[in-house]
PDB file of N, CA and C in Angstrom:
ATOM      1  N   MET A   1     147.959  80.021  82.429  1.00  0.00           N
ATOM      2  CA  MET A   1     147.440  78.554  81.954  1.00  0.00           C
ATOM      3  C   MET A   1     147.446  77.859  83.247  1.00  0.00           C
ATOM      4  N   VAL A   2     146.107  77.088  83.212  1.00  0.00           N
ATOM      5  CA  VAL A   2     146.096  75.936  84.027  1.00  0.00           C
ATOM      6  C   VAL A   2     146.203  74.642  83.493  1.00  0.00           C
ATOM      7  N   THR A   3     147.135  73.610  84.113  1.00  0.00           N
ATOM      8  CA  THR A   3     147.069  72.406  83.659  1.00  0.00           C
ATOM      9  C   THR A   3     146.433  71.380  84.651  1.00  0.00           C
ATOM     10  N   ASN A   4     146.046  70.267  83.475  1.00  0.00           N
ATOM     11  CA  ASN A   4     145.038  69.293  84.663  1.00  0.00           C
ATOM     12  C   ASN A   4     145.961  67.830  84.453  1.00  0.00           C
ATOM     13  N   ARG A   5     146.424  67.417  85.186  1.00  0.00           N
ATOM     14  CA  ARG A   5     147.166  65.945  85.052  1.00  0.00           C
ATOM     15  C   ARG A   5     146.472  64.957  84.731  1.00  0.00           C
ATOM     16  N   GLY A   6     145.378  65.115  84.933  1.00  0.00           N
ATOM     17  CA  GLY A   6     144.219  63.830  84.664  1.00  0.00           C
ATOM     18  C   GLY A   6     143.780  63.497  83.233  1.00  0.00           C
ATOM     19  N   GLY A   7     144.495  64.407  82.421  1.00  0.00           N
ATOM     20  CA  GLY A   7     144.217  64.249  81.305  1.00  0.00           C
ATOM     21  C   GLY A   7     142.821  64.439  80.585  1.00  0.00           C
ATOM     22  N   ALA A   8     142.181  64.885  79.382  1.00  0.00           N
ATOM     23  CA  ALA A   8     140.826  65.185  78.964  1.00  0.00           C
ATOM     24  C   ALA A   8     139.503  64.907  79.594  1.00  0.00           C
ATOM     25  N   GLY A   9     139.801  63.577  80.030  1.00  0.00           N
ATOM     26  CA  GLY A   9     138.558  63.164  80.995  1.00  0.00           C
ATOM     27  C   GLY A   9     138.346  64.128  81.837  1.00  0.00           C
ATOM     28  N   SER A  10     139.351  63.797  82.946  1.00  0.00           N
ATOM     29  CA  SER A  10     139.118  64.843  84.180  1.00  0.00           C
ATOM     30  C   SER A  10     138.670  66.307  83.846  1.00  0.00           C
ATOM     31  N   TRP A  11     139.375  66.732  82.279  1.00  0.00           N
ATOM     32  CA  TRP A  11     139.503  68.564  82.363  1.00  0.00           C
ATOM     33  C   TRP A  11     137.830  68.405  82.091  1.00  0.00           C
ATOM     34  N   ALA A  12     137.259  67.544  81.117  1.00  0.00           N
ATOM     35  CA  ALA A  12     135.773  67.719  80.395  1.00  0.00           C
ATOM     36  C   ALA A  12     134.898  67.481  81.632  1.00  0.00           C
ATOM     37  N   ARG A  13     135.027  66.336  82.794  1.00  0.00           N
ATOM     38  CA  ARG A  13     134.269  66.181  84.338  1.00  0.00           C
ATOM     39  C   ARG A  13     134.208  67.421  84.815  1.00  0.00           C
ATOM     40  N   SER A  14     135.591  68.020  85.360  1.00  0.00           N
ATOM     41  CA  SER A  14     135.401  69.302  85.824  1.00  0.00           C
ATOM     42  C   SER A  14     134.807  70.709  85.366  1.00  0.00           C
ATOM     43  N   ARG A  15     134.605  70.614  83.539  1.00  0.00           N
ATOM     44  CA  ARG A  15     134.153  71.719  83.156  1.00  0.00           C
ATOM     45  C   ARG A  15     132.676  71.331  83.156  1.00  0.00           C
ATOM     46  N   ASN A  16     132.484  70.361  82.968  1.00  0.00           N
ATOM     47  CA  ASN A  16     130.750  69.853  83.166  1.00  0.00           C
ATOM     48  C   ASN A  16     129.964  70.223  84.509  1.00  0.00           C
ATOM     49  N   GLU A  17     130.776  70.165  85.663  1.00  0.00           N
ATOM     50  CA  GLU A  17     130.301  70.471  86.466  1.00  0.00           C
ATOM     51  C   GLU A  17     130.509  72.071  86.948  1.00  0.00           C
ATOM     52  N   VAL A  18     131.471  72.723  86.521  1.00  0.00           N
ATOM     53  CA  VAL A  18     131.381  74.262  86.663  1.00  0.00           C
ATOM     54  C   VAL A  18     130.041  74.576  85.612  1.00  0.00           C
ATOM     55  N   VAL A  19     129.989  73.752  84.282  1.00  0.00           N
ATOM     56  CA  VAL A  19     128.875  74.273  83.579  1.00  0.00           C
ATOM     57  C   VAL A  19     127.719  74.083  84.515  1.00  0.00           C
ATOM     58  N   GLN A  20     127.426  72.647  85.223  1.00  0.00           N
ATOM     59  CA  GLN A  20     126.377  72.546  86.158  1.00  0.00           C
ATOM     60  C   GLN A  20     126.346  73.473  87.121  1.00  0.00           C
ATOM     61  N   LYS A  21     127.001  73.953  87.566  1.00  0.00           N
ATOM     62  CA  LYS A  21     127.054  75.039  88.585  1.00  0.00           C
ATOM     63  C   LYS A  21     125.947  76.489  88.287  1.00  0.00           C
ATOM     64  N   VAL A  22     126.564  76.419  86.903  1.00  0.00           N
ATOM     65  CA  VAL A  22     126.449  77.899  86.079  1.00  0.00           C
ATOM     66  C   VAL A  22     125.075  77.806  86.201  1.00  0.00           C
ATOM     67  N   VAL A  23     124.684  76.479  85.431  1.00  0.00           N
ATOM     68  CA  VAL A  23     123.179  76.245  85.033  1.00  0.00           C
ATOM     69  C   VAL A  23     121.946  76.627  86.203  1.00  0.00           C
ATOM     70  N   ASP A  24     122.740  75.739  87.544  1.00  0.00           N
ATOM     71  CA  ASP A  24     122.233  75.926  88.933  1.00  0.00           C
ATOM     72  C   ASP A  24     121.418  77.402  88.961  1.00  0.00           C
ATOM     73  N   GLU A  25     122.811  78.250  89.116  1.00  0.00           N
ATOM     74  CA  GLU A  25     122.452  79.347  89.773  1.00  0.00           C
ATOM     75  C   GLU A  25     121.379  80.249  88.876  1.00  0.00           C
ATOM     76  N   LEU A  26     121.979  80.038  87.500  1.00  0.00           N
ATOM     77  CA  LEU A  26     120.778  80.864  86.459  1.00  0.00           C
ATOM     78  C   LEU A  26     119.273  80.233  86.909  1.00  0.00           C
ATOM     79  N   ARG A  27     119.218  79.005  87.344  1.00  0.00           N
ATOM     80  CA  ARG A  27     117.884  78.418  87.417  1.00  0.00           C
ATOM     81  C   ARG A  27     117.348  78.964  88.901  1.00  0.00           C
ATOM     82  N   ASN A  28     118.228  79.287  89.861  1.00  0.00           N
ATOM     83  CA  ASN A  28     117.832  79.955  90.840  1.00  0.00           C
ATOM     84  C   ASN A  28     117.308  81.211  90.712  1.00  0.00           C
ATOM     85  N   THR A  29     118.231  81.743  90.393  1.00  0.00           N
ATOM     86  CA  THR A  29     118.336  83.335  89.826  1.00  0.00           C
ATOM     87  C   THR A  29     116.347  83.207  89.482  1.00  0.00           C
ATOM     88  N   VAL A  30     116.311  82.676  88.310  1.00  0.00           N
ATOM     89  CA  VAL A  30     114.887  82.844  87.530  1.00  0.00           C
ATOM     90  C   VAL A  30     113.788  82.415  88.455  1.00  0.00           C
ATOM     91  N   HIS A  31     113.916  81.388  89.457  1.00  0.00           N
ATOM     92  CA  HIS A  31     112.862  80.941  90.667  1.00  0.00           C
ATOM     93  C   HIS A  31     113.071  82.298  91.046  1.00  0.00           C
ATOM     94  N   ASN A  32     113.852  83.176  91.712  1.00  0.00           N
ATOM     95  CA  ASN A  32     113.676  83.787  92.576  1.00  0.00           C
ATOM     96  C   ASN A  32     113.127  85.050  92.073  1.00  0.00           C
ATOM     97  N   LEU A  33     113.418  85.593  90.823  1.00  0.00           N
ATOM     98  CA  LEU A  33     112.714  86.307  89.854  1.00  0.00           C
ATOM     99  C   LEU A  33     111.034  86.063  89.978  1.00  0.00           C
ATOM    100  N   ALA A  34     110.581  85.218  89.749  1.00  0.00           N
ATOM    101  CA  ALA A  34     109.443  84.465  89.111  1.00  0.00           C
ATOM    102  C   ALA A  34     109.042  84.831  90.772  1.00  0.00           C
ATOM    103  N   SER A  35     109.510  84.385  91.718  1.00  0.00           N
ATOM    104  CA  SER A  35     108.740  84.407  92.917  1.00  0.00           C
ATOM    105  C   SER A  35     108.595  86.111  93.365  1.00  0.00           C
ATOM    106  N   LEU A  36     109.215  86.479  92.983  1.00  0.00           N
ATOM    107  CA  LEU A  36     109.028  88.160  93.342  1.00  0.00           C
ATOM    108  C   LEU A  36     108.174  88.910  92.214  1.00  0.00           C
ATOM    109  N   LEU A  37     108.232  88.240  91.206  1.00  0.00           N
ATOM    110  CA  LEU A  37     107.223  88.957  90.292  1.00  0.00           C
ATOM    111  C   LEU A  37     106.071  88.674  91.027  1.00  0.00           C
ATOM    112  N   LEU A  38     105.999  87.407  91.053  1.00  0.00           N
ATOM    113  CA  LEU A  38     104.387  87.027  91.596  1.00  0.00           C
ATOM    114  C   LEU A  38     103.970  87.779  93.011  1.00  0.00           C
ATOM    115  N   LYS A  39     105.122  87.895  94.164  1.00  0.00           N
ATOM    116  CA  LYS A  39     104.434  88.873  95.168  1.00  0.00           C
ATOM    117  C   LYS A  39     104.330  89.966  94.842  1.00  0.00           C
ATOM    118  N   THR A  40     105.004  90.643  94.012  1.00  0.00           N
ATOM    119  CA  THR A  40     104.512  92.117  93.616  1.00  0.00           C
ATOM    120  C   THR A  40     103.323  92.610  92.976  1.00  0.00           C
ATOM    121  N   GLN A  41     103.067  91.211  91.928  1.00  0.00           N
ATOM    122  CA  GLN A  41     101.440  91.581  91.355  1.00  0.00           C
ATOM    123  C   GLN A  41     100.691  91.150  92.651  1.00  0.00           C
ATOM    124  N   ARG A  42     100.643  90.100  93.359  1.00  0.00           N
ATOM    125  CA  ARG A  42      99.619  89.853  94.552  1.00  0.00           C
ATOM    126  C   ARG A  42      99.741  91.237  95.233  1.00  0.00           C
ATOM    127  N   CYS A  43     100.681  91.848  95.742  1.00  0.00           N
ATOM    128  CA  CYS A  43     100.561  93.253  96.318  1.00  0.00           C
ATOM    129  C   CYS A  43      99.839  94.511  95.401  1.00  0.00           C
ATOM    130  N   ARG A  44     100.235  94.731  94.279  1.00  0.00           N
ATOM    131  CA  ARG A  44      99.474  95.392  93.353  1.00  0.00           C
ATOM    132  C   ARG A  44      98.100  95.304  93.723  1.00  0.00           C
ATOM    133  N   GLU A  45      98.053  93.802  93.099  1.00  0.00           N
ATOM    134  CA  GLU A  45      96.160  93.485  93.578  1.00  0.00           C
ATOM    135  C   GLU A  45      95.609  93.637  94.553  1.00  0.00           C
ATOM    136  N   THR A  46      96.048  93.233  95.700  1.00  0.00           N
ATOM    137  CA  THR A  46      95.399  93.522  96.864  1.00  0.00           C
ATOM    138  C   THR A  46      95.828  95.649  96.926  1.00  0.00           C
ATOM    139  N   ARG A  47      96.719  96.209  96.592  1.00  0.00           N
ATOM    140  CA  ARG A  47      96.506  97.847  96.930  1.00  0.00           C
ATOM    141  C   ARG A  47      95.187  98.005  96.033  1.00  0.00           C
ATOM    142  N   SER A  48      95.278  97.628  94.958  1.00  0.00           N
ATOM    143  CA  SER A  48      94.081  97.691  93.843  1.00  0.00           C
ATOM    144  C   SER A  48      92.729  97.570  94.396  1.00  0.00           C
ATOM    145  N   SER A  49      92.408  96.536  94.943  1.00  0.00           N
ATOM    146  CA  SER A  49      91.200  96.197  95.657  1.00  0.00           C
ATOM    147  C   SER A  49      91.004  97.000  96.548  1.00  0.00           C
ATOM    148  N   SER A  50      91.694  97.321  97.483  1.00  0.00           N
ATOM    149  CA  SER A  50      91.409  98.350  98.971  1.00  0.00           C
ATOM    150  C   SER A  50      91.239  99.606  98.385  1.00  0.00           C
ATOM    151  N   GLN A  51      91.796  99.794  97.251  1.00  0.00           N
ATOM    152  CA  GLN A  51      91.680 101.505  96.581  1.00  0.00           C
ATOM    153  C   GLN A  51      90.005 101.797  96.263  1.00  0.00           C
ATOM    154  N   LYS A  52      89.837 100.536  95.388  1.00  0.00           N
ATOM    155  CA  LYS A  52      88.470 100.480  94.530  1.00  0.00           C
ATOM    156  C   LYS A  52      87.739 100.535  96.288  1.00  0.00           C
ATOM    157  N   ARG A  53      87.729  99.347  96.972  1.00  0.00           N
ATOM    158  CA  ARG A  53      86.848  99.787  98.041  1.00  0.00           C
ATOM    159  C   ARG A  53      86.863 101.053  99.090  1.00  0.00           C
ATOM    160  N   SER A  54      88.163 101.649  99.075  1.00  0.00           N
ATOM    161  CA  SER A  54      87.957 102.967  99.759  1.00  0.00           C
ATOM    162  C   SER A  54      86.867 103.896  98.702  1.00  0.00           C
ATOM    163  N   LEU A  55      87.469 103.497  97.618  1.00  0.00           N
ATOM    164  CA  LEU A  55      86.477 104.562  96.629  1.00  0.00           C
ATOM    165  C   LEU A  55      85.133 104.764  96.899  1.00  0.00           C
ATOM    166  N   LYS A  56      84.869 103.382  96.658  1.00  0.00           N
ATOM    167  CA  LYS A  56      83.047 103.172  97.084  1.00  0.00           C
ATOM    168  C   LYS A  56      82.602 103.488  98.439  1.00  0.00           C
ATOM    169  N   ILE A  57      83.280 103.526  99.152  1.00  0.00           N
ATOM    170  CA  ILE A  57      82.852 103.584 100.704  1.00  0.00           C
ATOM    171  C   ILE A  57      82.907 105.233 100.583  1.00  0.00           C
ATOM    172  N   ASN A  58      83.928 106.116 100.542  1.00  0.00           N
ATOM    173  CA  ASN A  58      83.886 107.444 100.340  1.00  0.00           C
ATOM    174  C   ASN A  58      82.994 108.366  99.359  1.00  0.00           C
ATOM    175  N   SER A  59      82.324 107.282  98.487  1.00  0.00           N
ATOM    176  CA  SER A  59      81.592 107.633  97.148  1.00  0.00           C
ATOM    177  C   SER A  59      79.809 107.361  98.005  1.00  0.00           C
ATOM    178  N   ARG A  60      79.893 107.097  98.955  1.00  0.00           N
ATOM    179  CA  ARG A  60      78.469 107.060  99.371  1.00  0.00           C
ATOM    180  C   ARG A  60      78.009 108.170 100.168  1.00  0.00           C
TER     181      ARG A  60
END
């Protein structure tokens, strides 16, 4: 059991700081996942368009 000599007010501040850190980490995770998704989509679009160009060249 953790005791806090500062009373309920400091415990609440401490808890709020922990919650804020968790929220910040989740926000960063969401940002990183969104960024990765965009990069993946761009990569697929680039690959798809280059394959289409290749098919056009080979069909001539």
